[in-house]
Structures are given as C-alpha cells and as structure tokens.
C-alpha cells in the first residue's frame, strides 16, 4: 500500500512513504519540516516549504521517528510550497490501489483523502452525482472544519464502469474501511446520484452514523448503458443488481432554453411504477441513525423535494427524526458557503440560480455542521 501525502500549507509537509515490508496496513505519518531537516540533514538541502525536491535514486534513507518509534523507508521525499495560510488546515493523502474487502467489486479504487489538522473524529465519504467528478471542493470545506474527508470518483476512472450503472456498493464500503481507521464517526455526503448512493450504502452498512443527502432520491434508479443499449441498475450488492424503478419517457420531453429537463421523466416513471416495484426499489432509510436532506423546490433534474418528504415520512413511521432543509427557489445543485459554483457534467436544466443555490447552501450549512460534528470555525 502506498500513501502519497501532500501538504496544503506550512508548517507541516508531507512525504511519499512506501511502507512496503515494514507495514501491512496503510498508515499516515506526519513529519514536521524540522523533522525532515534533522533526519535527512546532509542528504538534501531543504528550504522549508519552498522547493520541490527529489534525490537522484529516489531513496533517501531509513529513519526512526523518535516520538512514536515508527521506522519507515522514505522514498521520493518532496516538499511542496504551502498554501496562503500560515497554519495547515488539512493535508491530502493518496491511497493507491485500495480494494474492496467484500464481493462484487472487481477493481481497485484510488482515493485521495483530506486529513484535518484539528480533527473532530468525523470521517466523511464525499460523493458527487452524474457528472462523474471528484467533489474535492466540498471535501476541502469539510476538512477545513475538522472532518477527515474523502472525495471519491465512483465511475469513469481506470478500471471502473464507464457510467453510473452496475456500481458495486462495495466501492463505497471499502473506502469506509479506510475511513474507519482514521475516524470514529462515519458519515457520507452525496448529491443527486451520489445522494442515492449515500443513502443506499448507509442503509446496508451499520457503521455509517449520518448521511447528508443533497437533492436526494427515495428510490433506486437505473443508468443507461449505451454500449449494451440497455437500462441497468445503478448499484449492485454482493454481486447482485439492486431493484430499481424503470425509466418511462413522457411523449413530449420538456426543455428549458434548449436544455433537457429530466424532471418529467422521473415523475412519469414513478407514476407508472407498480406498488410492488416501488416497494422493492425504496431505500431502507430507517436503517440509518441520522439523515439530513437538502432540496430545492425548483429542481428540474428529478423530484428531490418529493423524495425528501417520502424519506422523512418513512423514517417518521419508524419513529425517527429527519432534518430537511428546503428552499422553494433552490435548484439541483446547492452551493455551500465557501464553495465555488460547480461546473461540468451533462448539459441539462438544473433549476435554481447561483443566488438561490447559495442561499440554500447557507441554510443547510448550520445543519450540516451539526450533523457531521464539525468545528464551527475553519482551522
């Protein structure tokens, strides 16, 4: 297991450490700049956090961390320029080749975690939606407030399915395995398809304490595989596809300013589904201890507000409380304080506008910090 760590700002720097024969389990070791100077003095001339350096053969030396008695082989030690702050808020940790411990996941998962300097004990898996992007911006925000945040690309990467169909849920539980070694309070934050993934995964993995679902769905859906020309389940579990609500296209698809409006498609599909189909596809949200839902009433992608209410009602029937943050003018993409407006993804009508989406994000932020046990101030 190889961990590549890189620091966001001084005074801490991160090095690439190949534990190899010395450690069987991945570990993270922070080395202050002064520590590197003391341990490799004479090997490299290090100007603290101002140069990118690497020695010729790639191996510096073995060293012993006197504080923890940890011996490690340091390879390709590099020092990166720090960020604008004089105190580190988080550090990025790359875990290469992480594999699922469960069945049904036939490919490795490369992840990059953001480890806070002042952790709250919360580990959060961050999932974007159908864009396929890695939601690093949101993960940075959460890490700056104390969460060990891990944004994941869950399709479209090397060795992964090319689109959002037949994704093994073990993809997410394997990452939770890693987070569980760093934090004692596991959570998942997801948006759109990522919110669907978050809710389904948490309903099956009892380690997850909290889910924050932005633009959620109360049922599971399929994805369209263009190569096979078929609709396939979004998710599999232990090698078997999960039931889903079949897609029914309305006779006259709607559009806004030339952009496809998928809301009528999902509404028509829910209306056409039988009671049995809906029951089988409904996510067992009553298995999740805490749920925070965020929805915009102007969501033009799918009926996230109706889904949020269905989730809350199902949980209420099991005597479980649910937080639901809603803004009638909000769209599909909520923008939290400090986040940039997301770009990329498929060209489609999403509803809302940058102003209303930021208002919804401000409304959701206080609830999110409570749900995830975050620090109120950035560190």
Protein backbone atom coordinates (compact mmCIF):
# COMPACT_ATOMS: atom_id res chain seq x y z
CA UNK A 1 0.00 0.00 0.00
CA UNK A 2 1.44 3.35 -1.00
CA UNK A 3 0.40 6.60 0.61
CA UNK A 4 1.16 9.81 -1.15
CA UNK A 5 0.67 12.74 1.10
CA UNK A 6 0.86 16.37 0.21
CA UNK A 7 0.53 19.32 2.49
CA UNK A 8 -1.85 22.20 1.94
CA UNK A 9 0.22 24.70 3.92
CA UNK A 10 3.14 25.07 6.30
CA UNK A 11 4.38 24.26 8.93
CA UNK A 12 3.73 20.59 8.12
CA UNK A 13 4.97 18.90 4.99
CA UNK A 14 4.01 15.54 3.67
CA UNK A 15 6.17 12.93 2.09
CA UNK A 16 5.55 9.94 -0.08
CA UNK A 17 6.14 6.90 2.06
CA UNK A 18 6.39 3.34 0.81
CA UNK A 19 5.83 1.21 3.86
CA UNK A 20 6.36 -1.97 1.86
CA UNK A 21 7.91 -4.65 4.03
CA UNK A 22 7.61 -2.63 7.22
CA UNK A 23 3.83 -2.26 7.48
CA UNK A 24 1.00 -4.44 6.27
CA UNK A 25 -1.70 -1.86 6.90
CA UNK A 26 -1.72 1.64 5.38
CA UNK A 27 -0.69 4.30 7.86
CA UNK A 28 -0.22 8.03 7.73
CA UNK A 29 2.83 9.61 9.28
CA UNK A 30 3.14 13.40 9.56
CA UNK A 31 6.70 14.70 9.55
CA UNK A 32 7.27 18.35 10.50
CA UNK A 33 9.64 20.27 8.29
CA UNK A 34 12.11 20.43 11.15
CA UNK A 35 11.94 16.66 11.46
CA UNK A 36 12.93 16.17 7.85
CA UNK A 37 15.84 18.55 8.33
CA UNK A 38 17.02 16.61 11.36
CA UNK A 39 16.65 13.17 9.83
CA UNK A 40 17.98 13.76 6.33
CA UNK A 41 20.45 16.53 7.04
CA UNK A 42 23.24 16.31 4.52
CA UNK A 43 21.14 14.34 2.02
CA UNK A 44 19.04 17.25 0.84
CA UNK A 45 19.26 20.93 1.40
CA UNK A 46 15.68 21.75 2.29
CA UNK A 47 14.42 25.30 2.26
CA UNK A 48 11.28 24.90 4.29
CA UNK A 49 8.18 24.51 2.11
CA UNK A 50 9.73 26.43 -0.77
CA UNK A 51 11.22 23.89 -3.13
CA UNK A 52 10.14 20.65 -4.77
CA UNK A 53 13.00 18.26 -4.23
CA UNK A 54 13.89 14.67 -5.00
CA UNK A 55 17.22 12.90 -4.71
CA UNK A 56 18.70 11.05 -7.65
CA UNK A 57 17.99 7.43 -6.78
CA UNK A 58 14.59 8.05 -5.17
CA UNK A 59 15.55 6.58 -1.81
CA UNK A 60 16.61 8.93 0.95
CA UNK A 61 17.26 6.71 3.91
CA UNK A 62 15.59 4.73 6.64
CA UNK A 63 14.80 6.71 9.72
CA UNK A 64 13.21 6.29 13.10
CA UNK A 65 10.55 8.64 14.39
CA UNK A 66 11.73 9.11 17.93
CA UNK A 67 8.34 10.24 19.20
CA UNK A 68 6.44 7.17 18.05
CA UNK A 69 9.21 4.70 17.39
CA UNK A 70 7.98 4.18 13.85
CA UNK A 71 10.57 3.05 11.34
CA UNK A 72 9.83 3.68 7.69
CA UNK A 73 11.54 3.74 4.35
CA UNK A 74 11.16 7.17 2.77
CA UNK A 75 11.09 7.33 -0.99
CA UNK A 76 10.78 10.30 -3.29
CA UNK A 77 10.65 12.76 -0.43
CA UNK A 78 9.28 16.02 -1.75
CA UNK A 79 8.47 19.31 -0.16
CA UNK A 80 5.71 21.39 -1.68
CA UNK A 81 5.12 25.11 -1.43
CA UNK A 82 2.46 25.76 1.18
CA UNK A 83 -0.85 27.48 0.72
CA UNK A 84 -1.70 31.06 1.56
CA UNK A 85 -2.31 30.31 5.23
CA UNK A 86 0.47 30.12 7.77
CA UNK A 87 -1.16 27.17 9.51
CA UNK A 88 -2.15 23.91 7.85
CA UNK A 89 -5.87 23.20 7.73
CA UNK A 90 -5.75 19.78 6.13
CA UNK A 91 -3.48 17.53 4.14
CA UNK A 92 -4.19 15.39 1.11
CA UNK A 93 -3.47 11.69 1.40
CA UNK A 94 -3.48 9.48 -1.67
CA UNK A 95 -4.28 5.82 -1.09
CA UNK A 96 -3.42 3.88 -4.22
CA UNK A 97 -4.94 0.55 -5.13
CA UNK A 98 -7.45 0.36 -2.28
CA UNK A 99 -9.54 -2.75 -2.87
CA UNK A 100 -12.90 -3.82 -1.62
CA UNK A 101 -12.93 -6.40 1.11
CA UNK A 102 -16.37 -7.53 0.00
CA UNK A 103 -17.52 -9.45 -3.03
CA UNK A 104 -18.73 -7.96 -6.25
CA UNK A 105 -16.03 -5.31 -6.59
CA UNK A 106 -13.52 -6.41 -9.16
CA UNK A 107 -11.42 -3.26 -9.43
CA UNK A 108 -9.17 -1.21 -7.22
CA UNK A 109 -10.15 2.24 -6.04
CA UNK A 110 -7.66 5.11 -5.87
CA UNK A 111 -8.72 7.74 -3.38
CA UNK A 112 -7.34 11.00 -2.07
CA UNK A 113 -8.30 11.89 1.46
CA UNK A 114 -8.11 15.26 3.17
CA UNK A 115 -6.93 14.93 6.74
CA UNK A 116 -7.65 17.84 9.10
CA UNK A 117 -5.09 19.31 11.45
CA UNK A 118 -7.70 19.58 14.21
CA UNK A 119 -9.89 16.53 13.68
CA UNK A 120 -13.32 16.17 15.24
CA UNK A 121 -13.34 12.40 14.88
CA UNK A 122 -15.67 12.51 11.88
CA UNK A 123 -14.85 10.65 8.70
CA UNK A 124 -16.91 11.60 5.67
CA UNK A 125 -17.12 9.99 2.25
CA UNK A 126 -17.98 12.69 -0.31
CA UNK A 127 -19.86 11.63 -3.46
CA UNK A 128 -20.75 13.74 -6.48
CA UNK A 129 -23.51 12.86 -8.92
CA UNK A 130 -23.88 12.01 -12.59
CA UNK A 131 -21.08 14.39 -13.63
CA UNK A 132 -18.54 11.79 -12.55
CA UNK A 133 -16.37 14.48 -10.99
CA UNK A 134 -14.47 14.22 -7.74
CA UNK A 135 -16.08 16.69 -5.33
CA UNK A 136 -12.79 17.95 -3.92
CA UNK A 137 -14.15 21.44 -3.30
CA UNK A 138 -16.75 20.16 -0.84
CA UNK A 139 -14.26 17.80 0.75
CA UNK A 140 -11.84 20.68 1.32
CA UNK A 141 -14.56 22.65 3.05
CA UNK A 142 -15.43 19.77 5.36
CA UNK A 143 -11.77 19.04 6.11
CA UNK A 144 -11.16 22.67 6.99
CA UNK A 145 -13.83 22.26 9.67
CA UNK A 146 -12.36 19.10 11.16
CA UNK A 147 -13.60 16.14 9.10
CA UNK A 148 -11.36 13.51 7.60
CA UNK A 149 -12.91 13.91 4.15
CA UNK A 150 -12.51 11.52 1.27
CA UNK A 151 -13.95 12.59 -2.14
CA UNK A 152 -14.37 9.63 -4.46
CA UNK A 153 -14.66 9.20 -8.20
CA UNK A 154 -17.00 6.24 -8.35
CA UNK A 155 -17.31 5.73 -12.11
CA UNK A 156 -15.42 6.67 -15.25
CA UNK A 157 -11.98 6.12 -13.75
CA UNK A 158 -9.39 3.43 -14.56
CA UNK A 159 -10.87 0.01 -14.01
CA UNK A 160 -14.29 1.46 -13.14
CA UNK A 161 -17.58 1.22 -15.04
CA UNK A 162 -17.71 3.96 -17.69
CA UNK A 163 -21.02 5.31 -16.44
CA UNK A 164 -23.35 5.21 -13.43
CA UNK A 165 -24.61 1.67 -13.82
CA UNK A 166 -23.83 -1.59 -12.02
CA UNK A 167 -21.61 0.16 -9.48
CA UNK A 168 -20.68 -2.26 -6.68
CA UNK A 169 -21.66 -0.74 -3.36
CA UNK A 170 -18.50 -2.38 -2.09
CA UNK A 171 -16.77 0.51 -3.85
CA UNK A 172 -18.06 2.73 -1.04
CA UNK A 173 -17.81 0.28 1.86
CA UNK A 174 -14.15 -0.34 1.01
CA UNK A 175 -13.47 3.37 1.37
CA UNK A 176 -15.38 3.34 4.65
CA UNK A 177 -12.96 0.62 5.75
CA UNK A 178 -10.14 3.13 5.30
CA UNK A 179 -12.04 5.97 6.97
CA UNK A 180 -12.82 3.77 9.96
CA UNK A 181 -9.09 3.64 10.71
CA UNK A 182 -8.93 7.43 10.84
CA UNK A 183 -12.24 8.39 12.47
CA UNK A 184 -14.78 7.05 14.93
CA UNK A 185 -17.87 8.76 13.46
CA UNK A 186 -18.52 7.71 9.87
CA UNK A 187 -20.76 9.67 7.53
CA UNK A 188 -21.50 10.10 3.83
CA UNK A 189 -22.29 13.32 1.99
CA UNK A 190 -23.71 12.94 -1.50
CA UNK A 191 -25.51 14.93 -4.16
CA UNK A 192 -28.03 13.61 -6.71
CA UNK A 193 -26.89 10.11 -7.82
CA UNK A 194 -24.28 10.44 -5.08
CA UNK A 195 -27.06 11.09 -2.56
CA UNK A 196 -28.78 7.95 -3.78
CA UNK A 197 -25.52 6.05 -3.32
CA UNK A 198 -25.05 7.53 0.15
CA UNK A 199 -28.49 6.52 1.35
CA UNK A 200 -28.31 3.00 -0.13
CA UNK A 201 -24.82 2.37 1.26
CA UNK A 202 -25.72 3.65 4.73
CA UNK A 203 -28.87 1.51 4.76
CA UNK A 204 -26.65 -1.56 4.32
CA UNK A 205 -23.57 -0.59 6.35
CA UNK A 206 -24.34 -0.08 10.06
CA UNK A 207 -21.06 1.75 10.62
CA UNK A 208 -22.45 4.88 8.94
CA UNK A 209 -23.93 7.18 11.55
CA UNK A 210 -25.07 10.10 9.40
CA UNK A 211 -25.99 10.79 5.79
CA UNK A 212 -26.31 14.27 4.31
CA UNK A 213 -28.20 13.87 1.03
CA UNK A 214 -28.38 16.86 -1.30
CA UNK A 215 -31.10 16.56 -3.98
CA UNK A 216 -31.92 13.04 -2.76
CA UNK A 217 -33.94 10.16 -4.14
CA UNK A 218 -36.07 7.85 -2.02
CA UNK A 219 -35.82 5.03 -4.56
CA UNK A 220 -33.05 3.47 -6.62
CA UNK A 221 -32.84 4.13 -10.36
CA UNK A 222 -31.14 2.62 -13.41
CA UNK A 223 -28.45 4.03 -15.66
CA UNK A 224 -28.37 3.67 -19.41
CA UNK A 225 -25.51 1.63 -20.85
CA UNK A 226 -25.11 2.85 -24.46
CA UNK A 227 -22.74 0.05 -25.42
CA UNK A 228 -25.24 -2.63 -24.42
CA UNK A 229 -28.24 -0.43 -25.27
CA UNK A 230 -29.97 -1.28 -22.05
CA UNK A 231 -31.02 0.16 -18.72
CA UNK A 232 -29.06 -1.39 -15.87
CA UNK A 233 -29.29 -0.99 -12.10
CA UNK A 234 -27.26 1.84 -10.65
CA UNK A 235 -25.98 -0.42 -7.88
CA UNK A 236 -25.02 -4.00 -7.14
CA UNK A 237 -24.51 -5.57 -3.73
CA UNK A 238 -22.63 -8.81 -3.23
CA UNK A 239 -22.66 -9.31 -6.98
CA UNK A 240 -26.42 -8.84 -7.45
CA UNK A 241 -28.14 -5.80 -9.01
CA UNK A 242 -30.50 -3.89 -6.74
CA UNK A 243 -34.13 -3.45 -7.81
CA UNK A 244 -34.93 -0.12 -9.48
CA UNK A 245 -37.78 1.94 -10.87
CA UNK A 246 -37.80 1.54 -14.68
CA UNK A 247 -37.50 4.70 -16.74
CA UNK A 248 -40.61 5.78 -18.63
CA UNK A 249 -40.12 8.67 -21.04
CA UNK A 250 -43.10 11.01 -21.45
CA UNK A 251 -44.38 11.50 -25.01
CA UNK A 252 -43.28 15.14 -25.16
CA UNK A 253 -39.96 15.64 -23.34
CA UNK A 254 -39.65 19.14 -21.94
CA UNK A 255 -36.74 21.53 -22.19
CA UNK A 256 -35.72 24.91 -20.81
CA UNK A 257 -33.64 27.21 -23.02
CA UNK A 258 -32.75 24.23 -25.16
CA UNK A 259 -31.53 22.16 -22.18
CA UNK A 260 -33.13 18.82 -21.40
CA UNK A 261 -35.43 18.84 -18.40
CA UNK A 262 -35.42 15.40 -16.83
CA UNK A 263 -37.88 16.08 -14.04
CA UNK A 264 -40.92 14.93 -16.10
CA UNK A 265 -39.08 11.70 -16.96
CA UNK A 266 -38.61 10.74 -13.32
CA UNK A 267 -42.11 11.88 -12.39
CA UNK A 268 -43.63 9.77 -15.17
CA UNK A 269 -41.53 6.78 -14.15
CA UNK A 270 -42.72 6.98 -10.54
CA UNK A 271 -46.35 7.30 -11.65
CA UNK A 272 -46.06 4.28 -13.97
CA UNK A 273 -44.33 2.02 -11.45
CA UNK A 274 -46.38 -0.64 -9.70
CA UNK A 275 -46.74 -0.73 -5.94
CA UNK A 276 -44.51 -3.81 -5.81
CA UNK A 277 -41.82 -2.16 -7.92
CA UNK A 278 -41.83 0.95 -5.77
CA UNK A 279 -41.61 -1.05 -2.57
CA UNK A 280 -38.69 -3.12 -3.85
CA UNK A 281 -36.83 -0.03 -5.08
CA UNK A 282 -37.45 2.06 -1.96
CA UNK A 283 -34.30 2.71 0.06
CA UNK A 284 -34.49 1.38 3.63
CA UNK A 285 -33.68 4.73 5.21
CA UNK A 286 -35.00 3.54 8.56
CA UNK A 287 -31.69 1.68 8.93
CA UNK A 288 -29.74 4.96 9.06
CA UNK A 289 -29.36 6.58 12.51
CA UNK A 290 -29.32 10.21 11.31
CA UNK A 291 -30.33 11.76 7.98
CA UNK A 292 -30.05 15.34 6.74
CA UNK A 293 -31.87 16.18 3.50
CA UNK A 294 -31.38 19.29 1.36
CA UNK A 295 -33.68 20.05 -1.56
CA UNK A 296 -34.65 22.91 -3.86
CA UNK A 297 -38.24 23.35 -4.98
CA UNK A 298 -37.06 24.40 -8.46
CA UNK A 299 -35.02 21.22 -9.03
CA UNK A 300 -35.50 20.40 -12.73
CA UNK A 301 -33.47 17.18 -12.72
CA UNK A 302 -35.67 14.98 -10.58
CA UNK A 303 -38.29 15.37 -7.81
CA UNK A 304 -35.84 15.72 -4.94
CA UNK A 305 -38.29 17.60 -2.69
CA UNK A 306 -40.95 14.90 -3.08
CA UNK A 307 -38.28 12.28 -2.42
CA UNK A 308 -37.07 14.12 0.68
CA UNK A 309 -40.60 14.17 2.05
CA UNK A 310 -41.04 10.47 1.27
CA UNK A 311 -37.79 9.71 3.13
CA UNK A 312 -38.86 11.79 6.12
CA UNK A 313 -42.29 10.13 6.18
CA UNK A 314 -40.83 6.63 6.04
CA UNK A 315 -38.44 7.40 8.87
CA UNK A 316 -41.24 9.03 10.89
CA UNK A 317 -43.21 5.80 10.58
CA UNK A 318 -40.25 4.16 12.36
CA UNK A 319 -40.17 6.97 14.95
CA UNK A 320 -37.01 8.50 13.56
CA UNK A 321 -36.43 12.22 13.18
CA UNK A 322 -35.14 13.69 9.92
CA UNK A 323 -33.72 17.14 9.19
CA UNK A 324 -34.97 18.59 5.90
CA UNK A 325 -33.64 21.91 4.64
CA UNK A 326 -35.76 23.22 1.76
CA UNK A 327 -35.90 26.38 -0.34
CA UNK A 328 -38.67 26.74 -2.96
CA UNK A 329 -36.39 28.76 -5.25
CA UNK A 330 -33.42 26.39 -4.94
CA UNK A 331 -32.27 24.15 -7.77
CA UNK A 332 -30.50 20.82 -8.07
CA UNK A 333 -27.02 21.99 -7.06
CA UNK A 334 -26.69 23.52 -3.60
CA UNK A 335 -23.66 25.76 -3.07
CA UNK A 336 -22.31 25.73 0.48
CA UNK A 337 -20.56 28.79 1.99
CA UNK A 338 -17.01 28.93 0.69
CA UNK A 339 -17.70 26.67 -2.30
CA UNK A 340 -17.39 27.64 -5.93
CA UNK A 341 -20.38 27.10 -8.20
CA UNK A 342 -19.86 23.60 -9.66
CA UNK A 343 -19.36 23.27 -13.38
CA UNK A 344 -19.08 20.33 -15.73
CA UNK A 345 -21.43 17.41 -16.06
CA UNK A 346 -24.09 16.80 -18.66
CA UNK A 347 -25.80 19.79 -20.23
CA UNK A 348 -29.22 19.81 -18.61
CA UNK A 349 -31.69 22.11 -16.90
CA UNK A 350 -30.99 22.04 -13.17
CA UNK A 351 -33.25 24.82 -11.94
CA UNK A 352 -32.50 27.49 -9.40
CA UNK A 353 -29.74 30.05 -9.96
CA UNK A 354 -26.40 30.83 -8.29
CA UNK A 355 -28.01 33.24 -5.83
CA UNK A 356 -30.81 30.93 -4.67
CA UNK A 357 -28.47 27.92 -4.61
CA UNK A 358 -26.11 29.84 -2.33
CA UNK A 359 -29.00 30.85 -0.08
CA UNK A 360 -29.98 27.20 0.20
CA UNK A 361 -26.35 26.34 0.96
CA UNK A 362 -26.23 28.91 3.75
CA UNK A 363 -29.44 27.47 5.19
CA UNK A 364 -28.02 23.95 5.06
CA UNK A 365 -24.58 24.74 6.46
CA UNK A 366 -25.53 25.07 10.13
CA UNK A 367 -27.47 21.82 9.94
CA UNK A 368 -24.57 20.12 8.19
CA UNK A 369 -22.01 21.18 10.80
CA UNK A 370 -24.29 19.78 13.50
CA UNK A 371 -24.98 16.52 11.66
CA UNK A 372 -21.30 15.88 10.89
CA UNK A 373 -19.99 17.10 14.28
CA UNK A 374 -17.81 19.72 12.60
CA UNK A 375 -15.90 22.62 14.07
CA UNK A 376 -17.84 25.84 13.59
CA UNK A 377 -14.70 27.72 12.63
CA UNK A 378 -12.18 26.82 9.96
CA UNK A 379 -8.84 25.55 11.23
